[in-house]
Amino acid sequence: MGSNNFVVEVVTEGRGHYILVNFYLKDQVYVLPGKKYFDFPDEYFFKLRNDVVMGKKITIKKALLDNGDYSIDDFVEREVSDFEKEKYALMCSERSKISGLAMATSFFEIYEFIAVTGMLASQGLFLTDENREETYLNIINTGNEELINALERYLEIKDSMDTLVAQYRQICDYLHRIRLTDSIDELNAVTKTRRNNESLLS
């Protein structure tokens, strides 16, 4: 089939089919627990991506995708209502935001956070949200520049990661509420609530 530089995220429909829900570059995808991904040929990506982004319901038999033995003709567009198109498009948009959040923290920052945490622990310093300010003041009073710099970096990375985790949880909650909608009115109500919450936080 040629090059495979992309992966496709799918969800199960019934017992026999997958629905394509999103695409990612293989070297940029962040594999999330409970999600299902498959390597995807470049030529099929360019033919099907726009359909999926536009909210079309593209399905394929599970056995074909599981075995990697399929052709472009095995992907079938199912008839969907305007409500379903909007619902799928909205879910695809939100899922893409999750990948963006995952890429916002690099492997090197995560490694640095682990290393700094280990360094502080070796000095008997185990930080929690409850004791961080007290511990910070105690370290400042030691005058130990290495410890002060390590603690400042720890707090900087942790605050950044906490913000990303909070955003991730908000998106997951939004996706869950989208899935539960059965009509365009329910979907609009969920979307309106989300926008109102975002405006309060901005």
N, C-alpha and C. Protein backbone atom coordinates (compact mmCIF):
# COMPACT_ATOMS: atom_id res chain seq x y z
N MET A 1 0.80 -1.21 0.00
CA MET A 1 0.00 0.00 0.00
C MET A 1 0.84 1.27 0.00
N GLY A 2 2.15 1.16 0.05
CA GLY A 2 2.98 2.35 0.07
C GLY A 2 3.31 2.76 1.49
N SER A 3 3.64 4.06 1.66
CA SER A 3 4.09 4.57 2.95
C SER A 3 2.95 4.62 3.96
N ASN A 4 3.32 4.44 5.24
CA ASN A 4 2.36 4.54 6.35
C ASN A 4 2.89 5.59 7.34
N ASN A 5 2.62 6.86 7.06
CA ASN A 5 3.08 7.92 7.94
C ASN A 5 1.98 8.42 8.88
N PHE A 6 0.80 7.80 8.80
CA PHE A 6 -0.33 8.25 9.60
C PHE A 6 -0.92 7.09 10.40
N VAL A 7 -1.67 7.44 11.45
CA VAL A 7 -2.49 6.46 12.15
C VAL A 7 -3.92 6.98 12.16
N VAL A 8 -4.86 6.06 12.21
CA VAL A 8 -6.27 6.41 12.28
C VAL A 8 -6.83 5.97 13.63
N GLU A 9 -7.62 6.83 14.25
CA GLU A 9 -8.31 6.49 15.48
C GLU A 9 -9.71 6.03 15.11
N VAL A 10 -10.16 4.94 15.71
CA VAL A 10 -11.47 4.40 15.38
C VAL A 10 -12.27 4.14 16.66
N VAL A 11 -13.58 4.06 16.49
CA VAL A 11 -14.46 3.59 17.55
C VAL A 11 -15.29 2.45 16.98
N THR A 12 -15.72 1.57 17.86
CA THR A 12 -16.48 0.40 17.43
C THR A 12 -17.95 0.75 17.26
N GLU A 13 -18.52 0.28 16.16
CA GLU A 13 -19.96 0.42 15.93
C GLU A 13 -20.55 -0.98 15.90
N GLY A 14 -21.39 -1.29 16.88
CA GLY A 14 -21.93 -2.63 16.94
C GLY A 14 -20.83 -3.65 17.14
N ARG A 15 -20.99 -4.80 16.54
CA ARG A 15 -20.00 -5.86 16.69
C ARG A 15 -19.09 -6.02 15.48
N GLY A 16 -19.50 -5.45 14.36
CA GLY A 16 -18.77 -5.79 13.15
C GLY A 16 -18.04 -4.69 12.44
N HIS A 17 -18.17 -3.42 12.88
CA HIS A 17 -17.57 -2.33 12.13
C HIS A 17 -16.83 -1.33 13.02
N TYR A 18 -15.85 -0.66 12.40
CA TYR A 18 -15.22 0.49 13.01
C TYR A 18 -15.69 1.76 12.29
N ILE A 19 -15.74 2.86 13.03
CA ILE A 19 -15.96 4.17 12.44
C ILE A 19 -14.66 4.95 12.54
N LEU A 20 -14.21 5.54 11.45
CA LEU A 20 -13.02 6.38 11.49
C LEU A 20 -13.38 7.71 12.14
N VAL A 21 -12.60 8.11 13.14
CA VAL A 21 -12.96 9.35 13.86
C VAL A 21 -11.88 10.42 13.79
N ASN A 22 -10.61 10.03 13.56
CA ASN A 22 -9.57 11.06 13.48
C ASN A 22 -8.29 10.46 12.92
N PHE A 23 -7.41 11.34 12.42
CA PHE A 23 -6.12 10.93 11.88
C PHE A 23 -5.01 11.72 12.57
N TYR A 24 -3.82 11.09 12.67
CA TYR A 24 -2.67 11.75 13.27
C TYR A 24 -1.41 11.33 12.52
N LEU A 25 -0.41 12.20 12.52
CA LEU A 25 0.91 11.78 12.07
C LEU A 25 1.45 10.74 13.05
N LYS A 26 2.06 9.70 12.52
CA LYS A 26 2.49 8.59 13.37
C LYS A 26 3.49 9.04 14.44
N ASP A 27 4.39 9.96 14.09
CA ASP A 27 5.42 10.36 15.06
C ASP A 27 4.94 11.47 15.99
N GLN A 28 3.65 11.85 15.88
CA GLN A 28 3.13 12.90 16.74
C GLN A 28 1.92 12.45 17.56
N VAL A 29 1.46 11.25 17.31
CA VAL A 29 0.27 10.78 18.03
C VAL A 29 0.62 10.46 19.47
N TYR A 30 -0.28 10.82 20.38
CA TYR A 30 -0.15 10.48 21.80
C TYR A 30 -1.21 9.44 22.09
N VAL A 31 -0.78 8.19 22.29
CA VAL A 31 -1.72 7.08 22.47
C VAL A 31 -2.35 7.17 23.85
N LEU A 32 -3.65 7.33 23.87
CA LEU A 32 -4.39 7.48 25.11
C LEU A 32 -5.02 6.15 25.53
N PRO A 33 -5.09 5.88 26.82
CA PRO A 33 -5.70 4.63 27.31
C PRO A 33 -7.15 4.52 26.84
N GLY A 34 -7.52 3.33 26.41
CA GLY A 34 -8.90 3.09 26.00
C GLY A 34 -9.20 3.48 24.56
N LYS A 35 -8.23 4.10 23.88
CA LYS A 35 -8.42 4.48 22.48
C LYS A 35 -7.82 3.41 21.57
N LYS A 36 -8.35 3.32 20.35
CA LYS A 36 -7.87 2.29 19.41
C LYS A 36 -7.33 2.98 18.16
N TYR A 37 -6.10 2.61 17.78
CA TYR A 37 -5.43 3.23 16.65
C TYR A 37 -4.88 2.15 15.71
N PHE A 38 -4.81 2.50 14.42
CA PHE A 38 -4.21 1.61 13.43
C PHE A 38 -3.30 2.43 12.52
N ASP A 39 -2.19 1.81 12.10
CA ASP A 39 -1.39 2.42 11.04
C ASP A 39 -2.27 2.59 9.81
N PHE A 40 -2.04 3.67 9.06
CA PHE A 40 -2.93 3.97 7.94
C PHE A 40 -2.12 4.43 6.74
N PRO A 41 -2.37 3.82 5.57
CA PRO A 41 -1.62 4.18 4.37
C PRO A 41 -1.82 5.65 3.98
N ASP A 42 -0.73 6.27 3.53
CA ASP A 42 -0.81 7.69 3.15
C ASP A 42 -1.85 7.92 2.07
N GLU A 43 -1.90 7.04 1.07
CA GLU A 43 -2.81 7.25 -0.05
C GLU A 43 -4.27 7.22 0.40
N TYR A 44 -4.60 6.42 1.40
CA TYR A 44 -5.96 6.37 1.92
C TYR A 44 -6.26 7.58 2.80
N PHE A 45 -5.23 8.00 3.53
CA PHE A 45 -5.40 9.20 4.37
C PHE A 45 -5.83 10.39 3.53
N PHE A 46 -5.13 10.63 2.43
CA PHE A 46 -5.44 11.80 1.61
C PHE A 46 -6.81 11.68 0.94
N LYS A 47 -7.29 10.46 0.75
CA LYS A 47 -8.60 10.27 0.12
C LYS A 47 -9.74 10.38 1.13
N LEU A 48 -9.48 10.02 2.39
CA LEU A 48 -10.57 9.91 3.36
C LEU A 48 -10.57 10.99 4.44
N ARG A 49 -9.45 11.68 4.64
CA ARG A 49 -9.35 12.62 5.75
C ARG A 49 -10.43 13.69 5.70
N ASN A 50 -10.61 14.33 4.55
CA ASN A 50 -11.58 15.41 4.45
C ASN A 50 -13.00 14.93 4.75
N ASP A 51 -13.32 13.71 4.30
CA ASP A 51 -14.65 13.16 4.58
C ASP A 51 -14.88 13.03 6.09
N VAL A 52 -13.86 12.54 6.80
CA VAL A 52 -13.99 12.35 8.24
C VAL A 52 -14.09 13.71 8.95
N VAL A 53 -13.24 14.65 8.56
CA VAL A 53 -13.25 15.98 9.19
C VAL A 53 -14.59 16.67 8.96
N MET A 54 -15.20 16.44 7.81
CA MET A 54 -16.48 17.06 7.49
C MET A 54 -17.66 16.37 8.19
N GLY A 55 -17.35 15.32 8.96
CA GLY A 55 -18.40 14.68 9.74
C GLY A 55 -19.07 13.51 9.05
N LYS A 56 -18.52 13.08 7.91
CA LYS A 56 -19.10 11.91 7.24
C LYS A 56 -18.76 10.64 8.03
N LYS A 57 -19.68 9.72 8.01
CA LYS A 57 -19.52 8.48 8.78
C LYS A 57 -18.89 7.43 7.88
N ILE A 58 -17.57 7.27 7.99
CA ILE A 58 -16.83 6.31 7.18
C ILE A 58 -16.57 5.07 8.02
N THR A 59 -17.03 3.93 7.55
CA THR A 59 -16.90 2.69 8.32
C THR A 59 -16.14 1.64 7.53
N ILE A 60 -15.65 0.64 8.25
CA ILE A 60 -14.99 -0.52 7.63
C ILE A 60 -15.22 -1.71 8.54
N LYS A 61 -15.30 -2.89 7.96
CA LYS A 61 -15.47 -4.11 8.76
C LYS A 61 -14.27 -4.29 9.68
N LYS A 62 -14.54 -4.63 10.93
CA LYS A 62 -13.49 -4.78 11.92
C LYS A 62 -12.45 -5.81 11.50
N ALA A 63 -12.91 -6.93 10.97
CA ALA A 63 -11.98 -8.00 10.60
C ALA A 63 -10.95 -7.54 9.58
N LEU A 64 -11.38 -6.68 8.65
CA LEU A 64 -10.47 -6.20 7.61
C LEU A 64 -9.39 -5.31 8.19
N LEU A 65 -9.81 -4.34 9.02
CA LEU A 65 -8.82 -3.42 9.59
C LEU A 65 -7.94 -4.12 10.60
N ASP A 66 -8.51 -5.03 11.38
CA ASP A 66 -7.72 -5.78 12.37
C ASP A 66 -6.60 -6.58 11.70
N ASN A 67 -6.91 -7.15 10.55
CA ASN A 67 -5.94 -7.99 9.85
C ASN A 67 -5.04 -7.20 8.90
N GLY A 68 -5.36 -5.93 8.67
CA GLY A 68 -4.57 -5.12 7.75
C GLY A 68 -4.73 -5.51 6.30
N ASP A 69 -5.80 -6.24 6.00
CA ASP A 69 -6.03 -6.73 4.64
C ASP A 69 -7.27 -6.04 4.08
N TYR A 70 -7.08 -4.87 3.48
CA TYR A 70 -8.22 -4.10 2.99
C TYR A 70 -7.77 -3.19 1.85
N SER A 71 -8.76 -2.68 1.12
CA SER A 71 -8.50 -1.72 0.04
C SER A 71 -9.38 -0.50 0.27
N ILE A 72 -9.18 0.51 -0.54
CA ILE A 72 -9.95 1.74 -0.39
C ILE A 72 -11.45 1.47 -0.57
N ASP A 73 -11.78 0.46 -1.36
CA ASP A 73 -13.19 0.14 -1.61
C ASP A 73 -13.89 -0.47 -0.40
N ASP A 74 -13.11 -0.89 0.60
CA ASP A 74 -13.71 -1.48 1.80
C ASP A 74 -14.23 -0.42 2.77
N PHE A 75 -13.87 0.84 2.53
CA PHE A 75 -14.36 1.92 3.38
C PHE A 75 -15.69 2.41 2.80
N VAL A 76 -16.70 2.45 3.64
CA VAL A 76 -18.07 2.75 3.18
C VAL A 76 -18.60 3.97 3.92
N GLU A 77 -19.19 4.89 3.14
CA GLU A 77 -19.83 6.05 3.75
C GLU A 77 -21.27 5.69 4.08
N ARG A 78 -21.61 5.79 5.35
CA ARG A 78 -22.97 5.50 5.80
C ARG A 78 -23.80 6.78 5.80
N GLU A 79 -25.05 6.64 5.54
CA GLU A 79 -25.95 7.79 5.59
C GLU A 79 -26.12 8.25 7.04
N VAL A 80 -25.94 9.52 7.26
CA VAL A 80 -26.12 10.08 8.60
C VAL A 80 -26.96 11.35 8.51
N SER A 81 -27.61 11.67 9.59
CA SER A 81 -28.42 12.89 9.64
C SER A 81 -27.52 14.11 9.84
N ASP A 82 -28.08 15.29 9.64
CA ASP A 82 -27.32 16.52 9.88
C ASP A 82 -26.84 16.57 11.34
N PHE A 83 -27.68 16.08 12.24
CA PHE A 83 -27.30 16.05 13.65
C PHE A 83 -26.07 15.17 13.86
N GLU A 84 -26.06 13.98 13.28
CA GLU A 84 -24.93 13.08 13.43
C GLU A 84 -23.66 13.66 12.82
N LYS A 85 -23.80 14.33 11.67
CA LYS A 85 -22.62 14.95 11.04
C LYS A 85 -22.02 16.00 11.95
N GLU A 86 -22.87 16.84 12.53
CA GLU A 86 -22.37 17.89 13.41
C GLU A 86 -21.75 17.29 14.67
N LYS A 87 -22.36 16.24 15.16
CA LYS A 87 -21.88 15.57 16.36
C LYS A 87 -20.50 14.96 16.12
N TYR A 88 -20.33 14.23 15.02
CA TYR A 88 -19.05 13.61 14.70
C TYR A 88 -17.98 14.66 14.45
N ALA A 89 -18.33 15.72 13.72
CA ALA A 89 -17.37 16.78 13.43
C ALA A 89 -16.89 17.44 14.72
N LEU A 90 -17.82 17.67 15.64
CA LEU A 90 -17.47 18.29 16.91
C LEU A 90 -16.57 17.39 17.74
N MET A 91 -16.85 16.09 17.74
CA MET A 91 -16.03 15.15 18.49
C MET A 91 -14.63 15.04 17.89
N CYS A 92 -14.53 15.07 16.58
CA CYS A 92 -13.22 15.03 15.92
C CYS A 92 -12.40 16.26 16.29
N SER A 93 -13.05 17.41 16.31
CA SER A 93 -12.37 18.65 16.66
C SER A 93 -11.83 18.59 18.08
N GLU A 94 -12.63 18.07 19.01
CA GLU A 94 -12.20 17.99 20.40
C GLU A 94 -11.08 16.98 20.58
N ARG A 95 -11.15 15.86 19.86
CA ARG A 95 -10.08 14.85 19.98
C ARG A 95 -8.75 15.42 19.49
N SER A 96 -8.79 16.24 18.45
CA SER A 96 -7.55 16.84 17.95
C SER A 96 -6.93 17.76 18.99
N LYS A 97 -7.75 18.37 19.82
CA LYS A 97 -7.24 19.24 20.89
C LYS A 97 -6.47 18.42 21.93
N ILE A 98 -6.92 17.19 22.16
CA ILE A 98 -6.22 16.33 23.13
C ILE A 98 -4.80 16.04 22.65
N SER A 99 -4.65 15.77 21.35
CA SER A 99 -3.31 15.54 20.81
C SER A 99 -2.44 16.77 20.95
N GLY A 100 -3.05 17.95 20.75
CA GLY A 100 -2.31 19.19 20.92
C GLY A 100 -1.83 19.38 22.34
N LEU A 101 -2.67 19.02 23.30
CA LEU A 101 -2.27 19.12 24.72
C LEU A 101 -1.12 18.17 25.02
N ALA A 102 -1.20 16.96 24.48
CA ALA A 102 -0.15 15.97 24.72
C ALA A 102 1.20 16.44 24.20
N MET A 103 1.18 17.15 23.07
CA MET A 103 2.42 17.63 22.46
C MET A 103 2.95 18.87 23.16
N ALA A 104 2.12 19.51 24.01
CA ALA A 104 2.55 20.74 24.67
C ALA A 104 3.62 20.48 25.73
N THR A 105 3.68 19.25 26.24
CA THR A 105 4.71 18.87 27.19
C THR A 105 5.64 17.86 26.53
N SER A 106 6.90 18.22 26.42
CA SER A 106 7.85 17.35 25.72
C SER A 106 8.36 16.24 26.63
N PHE A 107 8.93 15.23 26.01
CA PHE A 107 9.55 14.14 26.75
C PHE A 107 10.64 14.67 27.66
N PHE A 108 11.37 15.68 27.20
CA PHE A 108 12.49 16.22 27.97
C PHE A 108 12.00 16.91 29.24
N GLU A 109 10.85 17.59 29.16
CA GLU A 109 10.29 18.21 30.35
C GLU A 109 9.85 17.15 31.36
N ILE A 110 9.23 16.08 30.85
CA ILE A 110 8.80 15.00 31.74
C ILE A 110 10.01 14.35 32.41
N TYR A 111 11.07 14.13 31.62
CA TYR A 111 12.30 13.55 32.18
C TYR A 111 12.90 14.48 33.23
N GLU A 112 12.92 15.78 32.92
CA GLU A 112 13.47 16.75 33.86
C GLU A 112 12.66 16.78 35.15
N PHE A 113 11.35 16.69 35.01
CA PHE A 113 10.48 16.70 36.19
C PHE A 113 10.77 15.50 37.08
N ILE A 114 10.93 14.33 36.47
CA ILE A 114 11.24 13.11 37.23
C ILE A 114 12.60 13.25 37.91
N ALA A 115 13.59 13.80 37.17
CA ALA A 115 14.93 13.96 37.73
C ALA A 115 14.94 14.93 38.90
N VAL A 116 14.25 16.05 38.75
CA VAL A 116 14.20 17.04 39.82
C VAL A 116 13.47 16.48 41.04
N THR A 117 12.37 15.75 40.79
CA THR A 117 11.63 15.13 41.89
C THR A 117 12.53 14.15 42.66
N GLY A 118 13.33 13.38 41.91
CA GLY A 118 14.25 12.44 42.55
C GLY A 118 15.32 13.15 43.36
N MET A 119 15.81 14.26 42.84
CA MET A 119 16.85 15.02 43.55
C MET A 119 16.29 15.56 44.87
N LEU A 120 15.08 16.13 44.81
CA LEU A 120 14.47 16.67 46.03
C LEU A 120 14.18 15.55 47.04
N ALA A 121 13.70 14.41 46.53
CA ALA A 121 13.40 13.27 47.41
C ALA A 121 14.66 12.78 48.11
N SER A 122 15.80 12.84 47.41
CA SER A 122 17.06 12.39 48.02
C SER A 122 17.48 13.27 49.19
N GLN A 123 16.91 14.49 49.22
CA GLN A 123 17.17 15.41 50.33
C GLN A 123 16.05 15.36 51.38
N GLY A 124 15.16 14.37 51.23
CA GLY A 124 14.07 14.23 52.18
C GLY A 124 12.92 15.18 51.93
N LEU A 125 12.86 15.71 50.71
CA LEU A 125 11.82 16.68 50.37
C LEU A 125 10.77 16.03 49.47
N PHE A 126 9.59 15.79 50.02
CA PHE A 126 8.49 15.20 49.26
C PHE A 126 7.36 16.22 49.22
N LEU A 127 7.22 16.88 48.08
CA LEU A 127 6.29 18.00 47.98
C LEU A 127 4.87 17.55 47.70
N THR A 128 3.93 18.22 48.34
CA THR A 128 2.51 18.05 48.05
C THR A 128 1.91 19.44 47.90
N ASP A 129 0.68 19.49 47.43
CA ASP A 129 0.01 20.79 47.30
C ASP A 129 -0.13 21.48 48.65
N GLU A 130 -0.21 20.68 49.71
CA GLU A 130 -0.41 21.24 51.03
C GLU A 130 0.87 21.84 51.62
N ASN A 131 2.03 21.25 51.29
CA ASN A 131 3.25 21.71 51.95
C ASN A 131 4.21 22.47 51.04
N ARG A 132 3.82 22.71 49.78
CA ARG A 132 4.76 23.28 48.81
C ARG A 132 5.26 24.65 49.24
N GLU A 133 4.38 25.51 49.75
CA GLU A 133 4.81 26.86 50.13
C GLU A 133 5.73 26.82 51.34
N GLU A 134 5.39 25.99 52.32
CA GLU A 134 6.24 25.86 53.50
C GLU A 134 7.61 25.31 53.14
N THR A 135 7.61 24.28 52.27
CA THR A 135 8.88 23.68 51.84
C THR A 135 9.71 24.67 51.04
N TYR A 136 9.04 25.45 50.20
CA TYR A 136 9.73 26.45 49.39
C TYR A 136 10.46 27.45 50.29
N LEU A 137 9.76 27.93 51.31
CA LEU A 137 10.36 28.90 52.23
C LEU A 137 11.53 28.28 53.00
N ASN A 138 11.38 27.03 53.39
CA ASN A 138 12.47 26.34 54.11
C ASN A 138 13.71 26.23 53.24
N ILE A 139 13.53 25.92 51.95
CA ILE A 139 14.68 25.78 51.05
C ILE A 139 15.34 27.13 50.81
N ILE A 140 14.55 28.16 50.65
CA ILE A 140 15.11 29.51 50.47
C ILE A 140 16.00 29.87 51.67
N ASN A 141 15.52 29.51 52.84
CA ASN A 141 16.27 29.85 54.05
C ASN A 141 17.58 29.09 54.17
N THR A 142 17.71 27.96 53.44
CA THR A 142 18.98 27.22 53.49
C THR A 142 20.07 27.94 52.71
N GLY A 143 19.66 28.77 51.72
CA GLY A 143 20.64 29.44 50.89
C GLY A 143 21.30 28.53 49.87
N ASN A 144 20.83 27.30 49.76
CA ASN A 144 21.40 26.32 48.81
C ASN A 144 20.84 26.61 47.42
N GLU A 145 21.66 27.21 46.55
CA GLU A 145 21.19 27.61 45.22
C GLU A 145 20.74 26.43 44.38
N GLU A 146 21.43 25.29 44.52
CA GLU A 146 21.06 24.12 43.72
C GLU A 146 19.66 23.64 44.08
N LEU A 147 19.38 23.60 45.38
CA LEU A 147 18.05 23.18 45.81
C LEU A 147 16.98 24.20 45.42
N ILE A 148 17.30 25.47 45.54
CA ILE A 148 16.35 26.53 45.17
C ILE A 148 16.00 26.45 43.69
N ASN A 149 17.03 26.29 42.85
CA ASN A 149 16.79 26.19 41.41
C ASN A 149 15.99 24.94 41.06
N ALA A 150 16.29 23.83 41.75
CA ALA A 150 15.57 22.58 41.48
C ALA A 150 14.11 22.71 41.86
N LEU A 151 13.84 23.34 43.00
CA LEU A 151 12.46 23.50 43.44
C LEU A 151 11.68 24.43 42.53
N GLU A 152 12.32 25.53 42.10
CA GLU A 152 11.66 26.46 41.19
C GLU A 152 11.30 25.77 39.88
N ARG A 153 12.21 24.92 39.37
CA ARG A 153 11.94 24.21 38.11
C ARG A 153 10.82 23.19 38.32
N TYR A 154 10.84 22.50 39.46
CA TYR A 154 9.79 21.54 39.80
C TYR A 154 8.42 22.22 39.78
N LEU A 155 8.32 23.36 40.45
CA LEU A 155 7.04 24.06 40.54
C LEU A 155 6.59 24.57 39.17
N GLU A 156 7.55 25.03 38.39
CA GLU A 156 7.23 25.55 37.05
C GLU A 156 6.65 24.46 36.16
N ILE A 157 7.31 23.29 36.12
CA ILE A 157 6.83 22.19 35.28
C ILE A 157 5.51 21.65 35.81
N LYS A 158 5.40 21.49 37.13
CA LYS A 158 4.18 20.95 37.72
C LYS A 158 2.98 21.84 37.45
N ASP A 159 3.15 23.14 37.61
CA ASP A 159 2.04 24.06 37.35
C ASP A 159 1.59 23.96 35.89
N SER A 160 2.56 23.86 34.98
CA SER A 160 2.24 23.73 33.56
C SER A 160 1.49 22.44 33.28
N MET A 161 1.97 21.33 33.86
CA MET A 161 1.33 20.04 33.63
C MET A 161 -0.06 19.98 34.27
N ASP A 162 -0.21 20.60 35.44
CA ASP A 162 -1.52 20.63 36.11
C ASP A 162 -2.54 21.36 35.24
N THR A 163 -2.10 22.44 34.60
CA THR A 163 -2.99 23.19 33.72
C THR A 163 -3.43 22.34 32.53
N LEU A 164 -2.48 21.61 31.94
CA LEU A 164 -2.79 20.76 30.79
C LEU A 164 -3.72 19.61 31.19
N VAL A 165 -3.49 19.02 32.36
CA VAL A 165 -4.34 17.93 32.84
C VAL A 165 -5.77 18.43 33.06
N ALA A 166 -5.89 19.63 33.62
CA ALA A 166 -7.23 20.20 33.85
C ALA A 166 -7.95 20.42 32.52
N GLN A 167 -7.22 20.90 31.52
CA GLN A 167 -7.83 21.10 30.20
C GLN A 167 -8.21 19.77 29.57
N TYR A 168 -7.36 18.75 29.74
CA TYR A 168 -7.65 17.41 29.22
C TYR A 168 -8.93 16.85 29.84
N ARG A 169 -9.09 17.01 31.13
CA ARG A 169 -10.28 16.50 31.82
C ARG A 169 -11.53 17.25 31.35
N GLN A 170 -11.41 18.54 31.10
CA GLN A 170 -12.55 19.31 30.61
C GLN A 170 -12.98 18.80 29.23
N ILE A 171 -12.00 18.52 28.37
CA ILE A 171 -12.31 18.03 27.03
C ILE A 171 -12.97 16.65 27.12
N CYS A 172 -12.42 15.78 27.96
CA CYS A 172 -13.00 14.43 28.13
C CYS A 172 -14.43 14.51 28.63
N ASP A 173 -14.68 15.42 29.56
CA ASP A 173 -16.04 15.60 30.08
C ASP A 173 -16.97 16.10 28.98
N TYR A 174 -16.46 17.02 28.17
CA TYR A 174 -17.24 17.57 27.05
C TYR A 174 -17.56 16.48 26.03
N LEU A 175 -16.56 15.65 25.72
CA LEU A 175 -16.78 14.55 24.78
C LEU A 175 -17.83 13.58 25.31
N HIS A 176 -17.77 13.30 26.59
CA HIS A 176 -18.75 12.39 27.20
C HIS A 176 -20.16 12.95 27.06
N ARG A 177 -20.32 14.25 27.32
CA ARG A 177 -21.64 14.86 27.23
C ARG A 177 -22.12 14.94 25.78
N ILE A 178 -21.18 15.11 24.85
CA ILE A 178 -21.56 15.10 23.43
C ILE A 178 -22.10 13.72 23.04
N ARG A 179 -21.41 12.66 23.48
CA ARG A 179 -21.84 11.30 23.14
C ARG A 179 -23.25 11.01 23.62
N LEU A 180 -23.64 11.60 24.73
CA LEU A 180 -24.95 11.32 25.31
C LEU A 180 -26.09 12.05 24.61
N THR A 181 -25.78 13.00 23.73
CA THR A 181 -26.84 13.76 23.08
C THR A 181 -27.54 12.93 22.02
N ASP A 182 -28.86 13.15 21.90
CA ASP A 182 -29.68 12.42 20.93
C ASP A 182 -30.39 13.34 19.95
N SER A 183 -30.15 14.64 20.06
CA SER A 183 -30.81 15.58 19.16
C SER A 183 -29.96 16.82 18.99
N ILE A 184 -30.26 17.60 17.96
CA ILE A 184 -29.51 18.82 17.71
C ILE A 184 -29.71 19.82 18.83
N ASP A 185 -30.91 19.83 19.44
CA ASP A 185 -31.16 20.75 20.55
C ASP A 185 -30.29 20.40 21.75
N GLU A 186 -30.16 19.11 22.04
CA GLU A 186 -29.31 18.69 23.16
C GLU A 186 -27.85 19.04 22.88
N LEU A 187 -27.43 18.82 21.64
CA LEU A 187 -26.05 19.12 21.26
C LEU A 187 -25.76 20.62 21.39
N ASN A 188 -26.70 21.44 20.92
CA ASN A 188 -26.53 22.89 21.02
C ASN A 188 -26.47 23.34 22.47
N ALA A 189 -27.27 22.70 23.33
CA ALA A 189 -27.27 23.06 24.75
C ALA A 189 -25.93 22.73 25.40
N VAL A 190 -25.38 21.55 25.06
CA VAL A 190 -24.08 21.14 25.61
C VAL A 190 -22.99 22.09 25.13
N THR A 191 -23.04 22.44 23.84
CA THR A 191 -22.05 23.34 23.26
C THR A 191 -22.14 24.73 23.89
N LYS A 192 -23.36 25.20 24.10
CA LYS A 192 -23.55 26.52 24.71
C LYS A 192 -22.99 26.54 26.13
N THR A 193 -23.24 25.48 26.89
CA THR A 193 -22.71 25.40 28.25
C THR A 193 -21.20 25.43 28.25
N ARG A 194 -20.60 24.69 27.32
CA ARG A 194 -19.13 24.67 27.22
C ARG A 194 -18.60 26.06 26.91
N ARG A 195 -19.20 26.75 25.97
CA ARG A 195 -18.72 28.08 25.61
C ARG A 195 -18.88 29.06 26.76
N ASN A 196 -19.97 28.95 27.49
CA ASN A 196 -20.18 29.82 28.64
C ASN A 196 -19.11 29.59 29.71
N ASN A 197 -18.79 28.32 29.94
CA ASN A 197 -17.75 27.99 30.92
C ASN A 197 -16.39 28.51 30.48
N GLU A 198 -16.10 28.41 29.17
CA GLU A 198 -14.82 28.89 28.66
C GLU A 198 -14.72 30.41 28.80
N SER A 199 -15.83 31.11 28.58
CA SER A 199 -15.82 32.57 28.68
C SER A 199 -15.60 33.01 30.13
N LEU A 200 -16.11 32.22 31.07
CA LEU A 200 -15.91 32.55 32.49
C LEU A 200 -14.45 32.38 32.92
N LEU A 201 -13.76 31.42 32.24
CA LEU A 201 -12.37 31.13 32.59
C LEU A 201 -11.39 32.04 31.89
N SER A 202 -11.85 32.69 30.79
CA SER A 202 -10.93 33.52 30.00
C SER A 202 -10.75 34.90 30.62
